[in-house]
Amino acid sequence: MTDDVTKYPVHARLELFEVTGHDTIRSSQWSDDLGNITMSLERNTGYGLIASADGYLMHSINMQPDTTSIRKLNISMTPVTSAVDKTIVLENIFFSTGSATLLPASDAELNKLYLTMRKNAGMQIEIRGHTDSEGTEEDNLRLSEARALAVYQYLLGRGIDAGMLSYKGFGESKPIATNDTAEGRKQNRRTEFYIVKI
């Protein structure tokens, strides 16, 4: 793991959990002085990874099931001091199909976002919801806003001050991948947080 600005190694904690069902953190390890971590994973299993370090924004990754014996990741951590106007994708937020009901597999990521807000009391963020292009524009805009609202309400429910939060749905208007493939549509169905103020 490296600093996004300086490219120097970051001493960070990496937390691993399965993304099926309701799973808690399975493994939690600190990186060494070079920013490296080695963890044991099972083949054909999907995992969520969350990297965190003091002075940095959380960074999440969703790893699809894979048959290979080694999976290498390069994680770039964003310093809080340079985070204004940054958009962070929450890779492990999951909803029931076609609805804004948060699935239990989202708990680890939601809790880490809550802790990020608690550690950075001056931070203001906007929760952003996005969809793929399946369905009508009106329905997608409604769904994306409802999903952003669900995350917003989760944070309010945990005690985060409403002055630190806002939310917005963008529907299908801001794709980051093609909507012509299942993988592209999956990337476009996403929840993010945008740093308004530190």
N, C-alpha and C. Protein backbone atom coordinates (compact mmCIF):
# COMPACT_ATOMS: atom_id res chain seq x y z
N MET A 1 0.84 -1.18 0.00
CA MET A 1 0.00 0.00 0.00
C MET A 1 0.88 1.24 0.00
N THR A 2 0.48 2.20 -0.83
CA THR A 2 1.29 3.40 -0.98
C THR A 2 0.41 4.64 -0.86
N ASP A 3 1.08 5.76 -0.53
CA ASP A 3 0.44 7.06 -0.46
C ASP A 3 0.15 7.53 -1.89
N ASP A 4 -1.09 7.95 -2.14
CA ASP A 4 -1.50 8.37 -3.47
C ASP A 4 -0.73 9.58 -3.97
N VAL A 5 -0.23 10.41 -3.05
CA VAL A 5 0.48 11.63 -3.42
C VAL A 5 1.99 11.41 -3.48
N THR A 6 2.57 10.89 -2.39
CA THR A 6 4.03 10.76 -2.31
C THR A 6 4.55 9.46 -2.91
N LYS A 7 3.67 8.46 -3.03
CA LYS A 7 4.02 7.11 -3.50
C LYS A 7 4.87 6.33 -2.49
N TYR A 8 5.02 6.87 -1.28
CA TYR A 8 5.74 6.17 -0.23
C TYR A 8 4.85 5.07 0.38
N PRO A 9 5.46 4.04 0.98
CA PRO A 9 4.67 2.99 1.63
C PRO A 9 3.81 3.55 2.77
N VAL A 10 2.66 2.94 2.97
CA VAL A 10 1.75 3.33 4.05
C VAL A 10 1.58 2.14 4.99
N HIS A 11 1.73 2.42 6.29
CA HIS A 11 1.49 1.39 7.31
C HIS A 11 -0.02 1.37 7.57
N ALA A 12 -0.71 0.44 6.93
CA ALA A 12 -2.17 0.42 6.96
C ALA A 12 -2.67 -0.94 7.43
N ARG A 13 -3.92 -0.94 7.89
CA ARG A 13 -4.59 -2.18 8.26
C ARG A 13 -5.48 -2.62 7.11
N LEU A 14 -5.39 -3.90 6.77
CA LEU A 14 -6.24 -4.47 5.73
C LEU A 14 -7.18 -5.47 6.38
N GLU A 15 -8.48 -5.26 6.19
CA GLU A 15 -9.50 -6.14 6.75
C GLU A 15 -10.18 -6.90 5.63
N LEU A 16 -10.38 -8.18 5.85
CA LEU A 16 -10.89 -9.10 4.83
C LEU A 16 -12.18 -9.74 5.32
N PHE A 17 -13.18 -9.82 4.45
CA PHE A 17 -14.43 -10.50 4.82
C PHE A 17 -15.07 -11.08 3.57
N GLU A 18 -15.84 -12.14 3.76
CA GLU A 18 -16.59 -12.71 2.65
C GLU A 18 -17.81 -11.84 2.39
N VAL A 19 -18.18 -11.70 1.12
CA VAL A 19 -19.28 -10.80 0.77
C VAL A 19 -20.60 -11.53 0.58
N THR A 20 -20.63 -12.82 0.86
CA THR A 20 -21.88 -13.56 0.77
C THR A 20 -22.54 -13.59 2.14
N GLY A 21 -23.84 -13.31 2.17
CA GLY A 21 -24.56 -13.37 3.44
C GLY A 21 -24.13 -12.28 4.40
N HIS A 22 -24.22 -12.57 5.69
CA HIS A 22 -23.88 -11.61 6.74
C HIS A 22 -22.55 -12.05 7.35
N ASP A 23 -21.49 -11.37 6.96
CA ASP A 23 -20.18 -11.81 7.42
C ASP A 23 -19.46 -10.69 8.15
N THR A 24 -18.77 -11.03 9.20
CA THR A 24 -17.95 -10.06 9.92
C THR A 24 -16.53 -10.14 9.37
N ILE A 25 -15.66 -9.30 9.89
CA ILE A 25 -14.27 -9.30 9.45
C ILE A 25 -13.66 -10.67 9.74
N ARG A 26 -13.10 -11.32 8.72
CA ARG A 26 -12.49 -12.64 8.87
C ARG A 26 -11.03 -12.54 9.27
N SER A 27 -10.36 -11.52 8.73
CA SER A 27 -8.93 -11.39 8.98
C SER A 27 -8.59 -9.91 8.99
N SER A 28 -7.67 -9.53 9.86
CA SER A 28 -7.25 -8.14 9.96
C SER A 28 -5.75 -8.12 10.22
N GLN A 29 -5.01 -7.49 9.31
CA GLN A 29 -3.55 -7.46 9.44
C GLN A 29 -3.01 -6.08 9.10
N TRP A 30 -1.85 -5.77 9.69
CA TRP A 30 -1.15 -4.52 9.37
C TRP A 30 -0.10 -4.79 8.31
N SER A 31 0.12 -3.80 7.45
CA SER A 31 1.18 -3.92 6.45
C SER A 31 2.54 -3.76 7.12
N ASP A 32 3.58 -4.26 6.44
CA ASP A 32 4.94 -4.10 6.96
C ASP A 32 5.47 -2.71 6.58
N ASP A 33 6.76 -2.48 6.84
CA ASP A 33 7.35 -1.17 6.59
C ASP A 33 7.39 -0.79 5.12
N LEU A 34 7.23 -1.77 4.24
CA LEU A 34 7.20 -1.50 2.80
C LEU A 34 5.78 -1.40 2.26
N GLY A 35 4.80 -1.48 3.18
CA GLY A 35 3.40 -1.38 2.77
C GLY A 35 2.83 -2.67 2.24
N ASN A 36 3.50 -3.80 2.49
CA ASN A 36 3.06 -5.09 1.95
C ASN A 36 2.32 -5.93 2.97
N ILE A 37 1.35 -6.68 2.49
CA ILE A 37 0.60 -7.63 3.31
C ILE A 37 0.41 -8.91 2.50
N THR A 38 0.55 -10.05 3.17
CA THR A 38 0.22 -11.33 2.55
C THR A 38 -0.90 -11.97 3.37
N MET A 39 -2.00 -12.34 2.69
CA MET A 39 -3.13 -12.96 3.37
C MET A 39 -3.53 -14.23 2.63
N SER A 40 -4.04 -15.19 3.37
CA SER A 40 -4.51 -16.43 2.78
C SER A 40 -5.98 -16.30 2.37
N LEU A 41 -6.28 -16.67 1.13
CA LEU A 41 -7.63 -16.62 0.61
C LEU A 41 -8.04 -18.00 0.10
N GLU A 42 -9.33 -18.27 0.13
CA GLU A 42 -9.83 -19.50 -0.46
C GLU A 42 -10.15 -19.26 -1.93
N ARG A 43 -9.92 -20.27 -2.75
CA ARG A 43 -10.27 -20.15 -4.16
C ARG A 43 -11.79 -20.16 -4.32
N ASN A 44 -12.24 -19.55 -5.40
CA ASN A 44 -13.67 -19.51 -5.74
C ASN A 44 -14.53 -18.86 -4.66
N THR A 45 -13.96 -17.91 -3.95
CA THR A 45 -14.69 -17.19 -2.91
C THR A 45 -14.55 -15.69 -3.16
N GLY A 46 -15.67 -14.96 -3.06
CA GLY A 46 -15.65 -13.52 -3.22
C GLY A 46 -15.35 -12.84 -1.89
N TYR A 47 -14.50 -11.83 -1.91
CA TYR A 47 -14.09 -11.13 -0.70
C TYR A 47 -14.26 -9.62 -0.83
N GLY A 48 -14.50 -9.01 0.30
CA GLY A 48 -14.40 -7.57 0.41
C GLY A 48 -13.13 -7.25 1.18
N LEU A 49 -12.43 -6.22 0.75
CA LEU A 49 -11.22 -5.77 1.43
C LEU A 49 -11.39 -4.29 1.76
N ILE A 50 -10.99 -3.91 2.96
CA ILE A 50 -11.02 -2.51 3.35
C ILE A 50 -9.67 -2.15 3.95
N ALA A 51 -9.01 -1.17 3.35
CA ALA A 51 -7.73 -0.68 3.87
C ALA A 51 -7.97 0.62 4.61
N SER A 52 -7.33 0.77 5.77
CA SER A 52 -7.48 2.00 6.54
C SER A 52 -6.18 2.32 7.26
N ALA A 53 -5.93 3.61 7.44
CA ALA A 53 -4.74 4.07 8.15
C ALA A 53 -5.02 5.46 8.67
N ASP A 54 -4.40 5.80 9.80
CA ASP A 54 -4.58 7.14 10.36
C ASP A 54 -4.12 8.18 9.34
N GLY A 55 -4.95 9.20 9.13
CA GLY A 55 -4.60 10.27 8.20
C GLY A 55 -4.96 9.98 6.76
N TYR A 56 -5.64 8.84 6.52
CA TYR A 56 -6.02 8.47 5.15
C TYR A 56 -7.50 8.12 5.07
N LEU A 57 -8.07 8.30 3.87
CA LEU A 57 -9.42 7.83 3.64
C LEU A 57 -9.43 6.32 3.53
N MET A 58 -10.53 5.70 3.92
CA MET A 58 -10.68 4.26 3.72
C MET A 58 -10.64 3.95 2.23
N HIS A 59 -10.20 2.74 1.91
CA HIS A 59 -10.15 2.29 0.51
C HIS A 59 -10.72 0.88 0.46
N SER A 60 -11.73 0.68 -0.38
CA SER A 60 -12.35 -0.64 -0.42
C SER A 60 -12.21 -1.28 -1.79
N ILE A 61 -12.18 -2.61 -1.78
CA ILE A 61 -12.04 -3.40 -3.00
C ILE A 61 -12.99 -4.58 -2.89
N ASN A 62 -13.63 -4.91 -4.00
CA ASN A 62 -14.45 -6.10 -4.08
C ASN A 62 -13.75 -7.09 -4.99
N MET A 63 -13.39 -8.25 -4.44
CA MET A 63 -12.69 -9.28 -5.21
C MET A 63 -13.67 -10.39 -5.58
N GLN A 64 -13.88 -10.56 -6.87
CA GLN A 64 -14.77 -11.60 -7.36
C GLN A 64 -14.14 -12.98 -7.14
N PRO A 65 -14.95 -14.03 -7.05
CA PRO A 65 -14.39 -15.39 -6.93
C PRO A 65 -13.39 -15.66 -8.04
N ASP A 66 -12.30 -16.34 -7.69
CA ASP A 66 -11.20 -16.55 -8.62
C ASP A 66 -10.59 -17.92 -8.35
N THR A 67 -10.12 -18.57 -9.40
CA THR A 67 -9.52 -19.90 -9.24
C THR A 67 -8.01 -19.86 -9.11
N THR A 68 -7.40 -18.68 -9.27
CA THR A 68 -5.94 -18.61 -9.21
C THR A 68 -5.46 -18.72 -7.77
N SER A 69 -4.21 -19.15 -7.60
CA SER A 69 -3.66 -19.34 -6.26
C SER A 69 -3.10 -18.05 -5.68
N ILE A 70 -2.78 -17.07 -6.53
CA ILE A 70 -2.21 -15.81 -6.05
C ILE A 70 -2.97 -14.65 -6.71
N ARG A 71 -3.39 -13.72 -5.88
CA ARG A 71 -4.03 -12.51 -6.39
C ARG A 71 -3.28 -11.31 -5.82
N LYS A 72 -2.73 -10.48 -6.69
CA LYS A 72 -1.95 -9.33 -6.25
C LYS A 72 -2.74 -8.05 -6.45
N LEU A 73 -2.66 -7.17 -5.46
CA LEU A 73 -3.35 -5.88 -5.52
C LEU A 73 -2.38 -4.76 -5.18
N ASN A 74 -2.49 -3.67 -5.89
CA ASN A 74 -1.77 -2.45 -5.54
C ASN A 74 -2.79 -1.45 -5.04
N ILE A 75 -2.69 -1.09 -3.76
CA ILE A 75 -3.66 -0.20 -3.14
C ILE A 75 -3.03 1.17 -2.92
N SER A 76 -3.69 2.19 -3.45
CA SER A 76 -3.22 3.56 -3.32
C SER A 76 -4.13 4.29 -2.33
N MET A 77 -3.55 4.77 -1.24
CA MET A 77 -4.32 5.40 -0.16
C MET A 77 -4.31 6.93 -0.33
N THR A 78 -5.49 7.55 -0.16
CA THR A 78 -5.63 8.99 -0.32
C THR A 78 -5.49 9.69 1.02
N PRO A 79 -4.48 10.57 1.18
CA PRO A 79 -4.34 11.31 2.44
C PRO A 79 -5.54 12.22 2.67
N VAL A 80 -6.00 12.31 3.91
CA VAL A 80 -7.14 13.17 4.23
C VAL A 80 -6.84 14.61 3.84
N THR A 81 -5.59 15.04 4.00
CA THR A 81 -5.22 16.43 3.72
C THR A 81 -5.38 16.81 2.26
N SER A 82 -5.42 15.84 1.36
CA SER A 82 -5.60 16.15 -0.06
C SER A 82 -6.88 15.53 -0.63
N ALA A 83 -7.87 15.33 0.27
CA ALA A 83 -9.05 14.56 -0.14
C ALA A 83 -10.21 15.40 -0.66
N VAL A 84 -10.19 16.73 -0.48
CA VAL A 84 -11.31 17.54 -0.93
C VAL A 84 -11.50 17.38 -2.44
N ASP A 85 -12.74 17.22 -2.85
CA ASP A 85 -13.14 17.00 -4.26
C ASP A 85 -12.84 15.59 -4.76
N LYS A 86 -12.42 14.69 -3.88
CA LYS A 86 -12.19 13.29 -4.28
C LYS A 86 -13.50 12.51 -4.15
N THR A 87 -13.67 11.54 -5.05
CA THR A 87 -14.81 10.65 -5.00
C THR A 87 -14.30 9.24 -4.73
N ILE A 88 -14.84 8.60 -3.70
CA ILE A 88 -14.41 7.27 -3.29
C ILE A 88 -15.57 6.29 -3.52
N VAL A 89 -15.31 5.25 -4.31
CA VAL A 89 -16.33 4.24 -4.55
C VAL A 89 -16.35 3.27 -3.38
N LEU A 90 -17.53 3.01 -2.86
CA LEU A 90 -17.72 2.02 -1.79
C LEU A 90 -18.01 0.69 -2.47
N GLU A 91 -16.98 -0.13 -2.62
CA GLU A 91 -17.07 -1.34 -3.45
C GLU A 91 -17.90 -2.45 -2.82
N ASN A 92 -18.18 -2.35 -1.53
CA ASN A 92 -18.85 -3.46 -0.84
C ASN A 92 -20.16 -3.03 -0.18
N ILE A 93 -20.90 -2.17 -0.88
CA ILE A 93 -22.26 -1.81 -0.49
C ILE A 93 -23.20 -2.57 -1.42
N PHE A 94 -24.10 -3.36 -0.85
CA PHE A 94 -24.97 -4.22 -1.65
C PHE A 94 -26.43 -3.98 -1.29
N PHE A 95 -27.28 -3.98 -2.33
CA PHE A 95 -28.72 -3.80 -2.16
C PHE A 95 -29.47 -4.98 -2.77
N SER A 96 -30.68 -5.22 -2.27
CA SER A 96 -31.56 -6.17 -2.94
C SER A 96 -31.82 -5.68 -4.36
N THR A 97 -31.94 -6.60 -5.30
CA THR A 97 -32.13 -6.26 -6.71
C THR A 97 -33.33 -5.34 -6.89
N GLY A 98 -33.09 -4.21 -7.56
CA GLY A 98 -34.17 -3.28 -7.88
C GLY A 98 -34.73 -2.51 -6.70
N SER A 99 -34.06 -2.56 -5.55
CA SER A 99 -34.59 -1.86 -4.37
C SER A 99 -33.47 -1.12 -3.64
N ALA A 100 -33.86 -0.37 -2.61
CA ALA A 100 -32.89 0.37 -1.79
C ALA A 100 -32.69 -0.30 -0.44
N THR A 101 -33.02 -1.59 -0.35
CA THR A 101 -32.82 -2.33 0.90
C THR A 101 -31.38 -2.79 1.00
N LEU A 102 -30.67 -2.30 2.01
CA LEU A 102 -29.27 -2.69 2.20
C LEU A 102 -29.20 -4.15 2.64
N LEU A 103 -28.27 -4.90 2.03
CA LEU A 103 -28.07 -6.29 2.41
C LEU A 103 -27.07 -6.38 3.57
N PRO A 104 -27.19 -7.43 4.39
CA PRO A 104 -26.27 -7.59 5.54
C PRO A 104 -24.79 -7.61 5.14
N ALA A 105 -24.48 -8.04 3.92
CA ALA A 105 -23.08 -8.07 3.48
C ALA A 105 -22.46 -6.68 3.41
N SER A 106 -23.30 -5.64 3.50
CA SER A 106 -22.81 -4.25 3.47
C SER A 106 -22.30 -3.77 4.82
N ASP A 107 -22.58 -4.53 5.88
CA ASP A 107 -22.33 -4.04 7.24
C ASP A 107 -20.88 -3.64 7.50
N ALA A 108 -19.93 -4.46 7.04
CA ALA A 108 -18.52 -4.16 7.32
C ALA A 108 -18.10 -2.83 6.69
N GLU A 109 -18.52 -2.61 5.45
CA GLU A 109 -18.16 -1.37 4.74
C GLU A 109 -18.87 -0.16 5.35
N LEU A 110 -20.15 -0.31 5.68
CA LEU A 110 -20.89 0.78 6.29
C LEU A 110 -20.28 1.17 7.63
N ASN A 111 -19.88 0.17 8.42
CA ASN A 111 -19.26 0.46 9.70
C ASN A 111 -17.93 1.19 9.53
N LYS A 112 -17.16 0.80 8.52
CA LYS A 112 -15.88 1.47 8.28
C LYS A 112 -16.09 2.92 7.83
N LEU A 113 -17.13 3.16 7.03
CA LEU A 113 -17.45 4.54 6.63
C LEU A 113 -17.85 5.35 7.85
N TYR A 114 -18.63 4.75 8.73
CA TYR A 114 -19.02 5.42 9.98
C TYR A 114 -17.78 5.79 10.81
N LEU A 115 -16.84 4.86 10.95
CA LEU A 115 -15.62 5.14 11.73
C LEU A 115 -14.78 6.22 11.07
N THR A 116 -14.75 6.23 9.73
CA THR A 116 -14.03 7.28 9.00
C THR A 116 -14.61 8.65 9.34
N MET A 117 -15.94 8.74 9.38
CA MET A 117 -16.59 10.00 9.72
C MET A 117 -16.31 10.40 11.17
N ARG A 118 -16.32 9.42 12.07
CA ARG A 118 -16.07 9.70 13.47
C ARG A 118 -14.65 10.23 13.70
N LYS A 119 -13.68 9.69 12.96
CA LYS A 119 -12.29 10.10 13.13
C LYS A 119 -11.99 11.46 12.51
N ASN A 120 -12.86 11.92 11.61
CA ASN A 120 -12.62 13.17 10.89
C ASN A 120 -13.84 14.07 11.09
N ALA A 121 -13.91 14.67 12.28
CA ALA A 121 -15.11 15.39 12.69
C ALA A 121 -15.43 16.61 11.83
N GLY A 122 -14.44 17.13 11.12
CA GLY A 122 -14.70 18.29 10.25
C GLY A 122 -15.09 17.92 8.83
N MET A 123 -15.11 16.64 8.54
CA MET A 123 -15.38 16.18 7.18
C MET A 123 -16.86 16.33 6.83
N GLN A 124 -17.12 16.77 5.62
CA GLN A 124 -18.47 16.78 5.06
C GLN A 124 -18.44 15.96 3.78
N ILE A 125 -19.40 15.05 3.65
CA ILE A 125 -19.44 14.20 2.46
C ILE A 125 -20.83 14.20 1.84
N GLU A 126 -20.86 13.89 0.55
CA GLU A 126 -22.11 13.66 -0.15
C GLU A 126 -22.14 12.20 -0.57
N ILE A 127 -23.15 11.47 -0.13
CA ILE A 127 -23.34 10.09 -0.56
C ILE A 127 -23.99 10.13 -1.94
N ARG A 128 -23.41 9.39 -2.89
CA ARG A 128 -23.91 9.41 -4.26
C ARG A 128 -24.31 8.01 -4.72
N GLY A 129 -25.49 7.93 -5.31
CA GLY A 129 -25.97 6.66 -5.85
C GLY A 129 -26.00 6.70 -7.37
N HIS A 130 -25.67 5.57 -7.99
CA HIS A 130 -25.65 5.44 -9.45
C HIS A 130 -26.26 4.10 -9.85
N THR A 131 -26.82 4.04 -11.04
CA THR A 131 -27.37 2.80 -11.57
C THR A 131 -26.78 2.51 -12.96
N ASP A 132 -27.11 1.34 -13.49
CA ASP A 132 -26.82 1.07 -14.89
C ASP A 132 -27.97 1.63 -15.73
N SER A 133 -28.00 1.31 -17.02
CA SER A 133 -29.01 1.90 -17.90
C SER A 133 -30.22 0.99 -18.13
N GLU A 134 -30.29 -0.12 -17.40
CA GLU A 134 -31.46 -0.99 -17.51
C GLU A 134 -32.66 -0.26 -16.89
N GLY A 135 -33.82 -0.33 -17.54
CA GLY A 135 -35.00 0.36 -17.03
C GLY A 135 -35.09 1.78 -17.54
N THR A 136 -36.07 2.53 -17.04
CA THR A 136 -36.26 3.91 -17.50
C THR A 136 -35.37 4.87 -16.73
N GLU A 137 -35.10 6.01 -17.35
CA GLU A 137 -34.28 7.03 -16.69
C GLU A 137 -34.91 7.48 -15.38
N GLU A 138 -36.25 7.65 -15.40
CA GLU A 138 -36.94 8.12 -14.20
C GLU A 138 -36.82 7.11 -13.06
N ASP A 139 -37.03 5.83 -13.39
CA ASP A 139 -36.92 4.79 -12.36
C ASP A 139 -35.50 4.69 -11.82
N ASN A 140 -34.52 4.80 -12.71
CA ASN A 140 -33.13 4.71 -12.28
C ASN A 140 -32.73 5.89 -11.40
N LEU A 141 -33.22 7.08 -11.74
CA LEU A 141 -32.92 8.25 -10.92
C LEU A 141 -33.53 8.07 -9.53
N ARG A 142 -34.78 7.60 -9.47
CA ARG A 142 -35.45 7.36 -8.20
C ARG A 142 -34.71 6.32 -7.36
N LEU A 143 -34.30 5.22 -8.02
CA LEU A 143 -33.61 4.14 -7.31
C LEU A 143 -32.26 4.61 -6.77
N SER A 144 -31.51 5.33 -7.59
CA SER A 144 -30.19 5.79 -7.15
C SER A 144 -30.30 6.74 -5.96
N GLU A 145 -31.33 7.59 -5.96
CA GLU A 145 -31.52 8.51 -4.84
C GLU A 145 -31.94 7.75 -3.58
N ALA A 146 -32.81 6.76 -3.75
CA ALA A 146 -33.25 5.96 -2.60
C ALA A 146 -32.08 5.19 -2.00
N ARG A 147 -31.19 4.70 -2.82
CA ARG A 147 -30.03 3.97 -2.31
C ARG A 147 -29.06 4.88 -1.59
N ALA A 148 -28.83 6.08 -2.15
CA ALA A 148 -27.97 7.05 -1.47
C ALA A 148 -28.59 7.44 -0.13
N LEU A 149 -29.92 7.60 -0.12
CA LEU A 149 -30.63 7.94 1.11
C LEU A 149 -30.48 6.84 2.16
N ALA A 150 -30.49 5.58 1.74
CA ALA A 150 -30.35 4.46 2.68
C ALA A 150 -29.02 4.53 3.41
N VAL A 151 -27.95 4.84 2.70
CA VAL A 151 -26.62 4.95 3.33
C VAL A 151 -26.59 6.18 4.24
N TYR A 152 -27.15 7.27 3.76
CA TYR A 152 -27.26 8.51 4.56
C TYR A 152 -27.98 8.23 5.87
N GLN A 153 -29.11 7.53 5.80
CA GLN A 153 -29.88 7.23 7.01
C GLN A 153 -29.15 6.28 7.94
N TYR A 154 -28.37 5.36 7.37
CA TYR A 154 -27.56 4.48 8.21
C TYR A 154 -26.60 5.30 9.06
N LEU A 155 -25.91 6.25 8.43
CA LEU A 155 -24.94 7.06 9.15
C LEU A 155 -25.62 7.95 10.20
N LEU A 156 -26.76 8.53 9.83
CA LEU A 156 -27.52 9.32 10.81
C LEU A 156 -27.92 8.45 12.00
N GLY A 157 -28.36 7.24 11.70
CA GLY A 157 -28.79 6.31 12.74
C GLY A 157 -27.68 5.91 13.69
N ARG A 158 -26.44 5.95 13.22
CA ARG A 158 -25.29 5.63 14.07
C ARG A 158 -24.80 6.85 14.85
N GLY A 159 -25.41 8.03 14.60
CA GLY A 159 -25.05 9.21 15.36
C GLY A 159 -24.20 10.24 14.64
N ILE A 160 -23.96 10.05 13.35
CA ILE A 160 -23.22 11.07 12.60
C ILE A 160 -24.11 12.30 12.43
N ASP A 161 -23.55 13.48 12.67
CA ASP A 161 -24.30 14.72 12.60
C ASP A 161 -24.78 14.98 11.17
N ALA A 162 -26.04 15.42 11.04
CA ALA A 162 -26.62 15.67 9.72
C ALA A 162 -25.85 16.76 8.97
N GLY A 163 -25.16 17.66 9.69
CA GLY A 163 -24.38 18.70 9.04
C GLY A 163 -23.16 18.18 8.29
N MET A 164 -22.79 16.93 8.57
CA MET A 164 -21.63 16.32 7.89
C MET A 164 -22.03 15.57 6.63
N LEU A 165 -23.35 15.48 6.38
CA LEU A 165 -23.83 14.56 5.33
C LEU A 165 -24.84 15.21 4.40
N SER A 166 -24.81 14.76 3.16
CA SER A 166 -25.88 15.02 2.21
C SER A 166 -25.92 13.81 1.28
N TYR A 167 -26.92 13.75 0.42
CA TYR A 167 -26.99 12.62 -0.51
C TYR A 167 -27.61 13.06 -1.83
N LYS A 168 -27.31 12.30 -2.88
CA LYS A 168 -27.82 12.63 -4.21
C LYS A 168 -27.81 11.38 -5.08
N GLY A 169 -28.84 11.25 -5.90
CA GLY A 169 -28.89 10.17 -6.88
C GLY A 169 -28.64 10.70 -8.27
N PHE A 170 -27.87 9.97 -9.05
CA PHE A 170 -27.54 10.39 -10.41
C PHE A 170 -28.13 9.46 -11.47
N GLY A 171 -28.82 8.41 -11.04
CA GLY A 171 -29.39 7.47 -11.99
C GLY A 171 -28.33 6.87 -12.88
N GLU A 172 -28.59 6.84 -14.18
CA GLU A 172 -27.68 6.24 -15.16
C GLU A 172 -26.81 7.28 -15.86
N SER A 173 -26.82 8.53 -15.36
CA SER A 173 -26.21 9.65 -16.10
C SER A 173 -24.69 9.72 -16.04
N LYS A 174 -24.06 8.99 -15.11
CA LYS A 174 -22.60 9.07 -14.98
C LYS A 174 -21.96 7.68 -14.98
N PRO A 175 -22.05 6.97 -16.11
CA PRO A 175 -21.44 5.63 -16.16
C PRO A 175 -19.92 5.71 -16.12
N ILE A 176 -19.30 4.68 -15.53
CA ILE A 176 -17.84 4.59 -15.52
C ILE A 176 -17.37 3.42 -16.38
N ALA A 177 -18.32 2.70 -16.96
CA ALA A 177 -18.02 1.55 -17.82
C ALA A 177 -19.16 1.40 -18.82
N THR A 178 -18.98 0.50 -19.77
CA THR A 178 -20.03 0.26 -20.76
C THR A 178 -21.25 -0.39 -20.11
N ASN A 179 -22.42 -0.07 -20.61
CA ASN A 179 -23.64 -0.74 -20.16
C ASN A 179 -24.00 -1.91 -21.08
N ASP A 180 -23.08 -2.25 -22.00
CA ASP A 180 -23.34 -3.33 -22.96
C ASP A 180 -22.94 -4.70 -22.45
N THR A 181 -22.27 -4.75 -21.29
CA THR A 181 -21.86 -6.04 -20.72
C THR A 181 -22.32 -6.12 -19.27
N ALA A 182 -22.46 -7.34 -18.76
CA ALA A 182 -22.87 -7.54 -17.37
C ALA A 182 -21.84 -6.94 -16.42
N GLU A 183 -20.54 -7.10 -16.73
CA GLU A 183 -19.49 -6.57 -15.86
C GLU A 183 -19.53 -5.04 -15.85
N GLY A 184 -19.74 -4.44 -17.02
CA GLY A 184 -19.83 -2.98 -17.08
C GLY A 184 -21.02 -2.44 -16.30
N ARG A 185 -22.16 -3.10 -16.44
CA ARG A 185 -23.35 -2.67 -15.70
C ARG A 185 -23.13 -2.80 -14.20
N LYS A 186 -22.42 -3.85 -13.79
CA LYS A 186 -22.12 -4.04 -12.36
C LYS A 186 -21.27 -2.87 -11.83
N GLN A 187 -20.29 -2.42 -12.62
CA GLN A 187 -19.46 -1.29 -12.20
C GLN A 187 -20.27 0.00 -12.10
N ASN A 188 -21.23 0.15 -13.01
CA ASN A 188 -22.04 1.38 -13.01
C ASN A 188 -23.03 1.43 -11.85
N ARG A 189 -23.45 0.27 -11.36
CA ARG A 189 -24.33 0.23 -10.18
C ARG A 189 -23.45 0.39 -8.94
N ARG A 190 -23.30 1.59 -8.47
CA ARG A 190 -22.32 1.83 -7.41
C ARG A 190 -22.80 2.91 -6.44
N THR A 191 -22.21 2.87 -5.26
CA THR A 191 -22.42 3.90 -4.25
C THR A 191 -21.06 4.53 -3.97
N GLU A 192 -21.03 5.84 -3.88
CA GLU A 192 -19.79 6.58 -3.66
C GLU A 192 -19.98 7.59 -2.53
N PHE A 193 -18.84 8.07 -2.02
CA PHE A 193 -18.93 9.29 -1.23
C PHE A 193 -17.95 10.32 -1.78
N TYR A 194 -18.43 11.55 -1.87
CA TYR A 194 -17.66 12.68 -2.41
C TYR A 194 -17.28 13.59 -1.25
N ILE A 195 -16.01 13.95 -1.19
CA ILE A 195 -15.52 14.79 -0.08
C ILE A 195 -15.79 16.25 -0.40
N VAL A 196 -16.72 16.84 0.33
CA VAL A 196 -17.07 18.24 0.14
C VAL A 196 -16.11 19.15 0.90
N LYS A 197 -15.77 18.72 2.13
CA LYS A 197 -14.94 19.56 3.01
C LYS A 197 -14.22 18.66 4.00
N ILE A 198 -13.03 19.08 4.39
CA ILE A 198 -12.26 18.37 5.42
C ILE A 198 -12.18 19.25 6.66
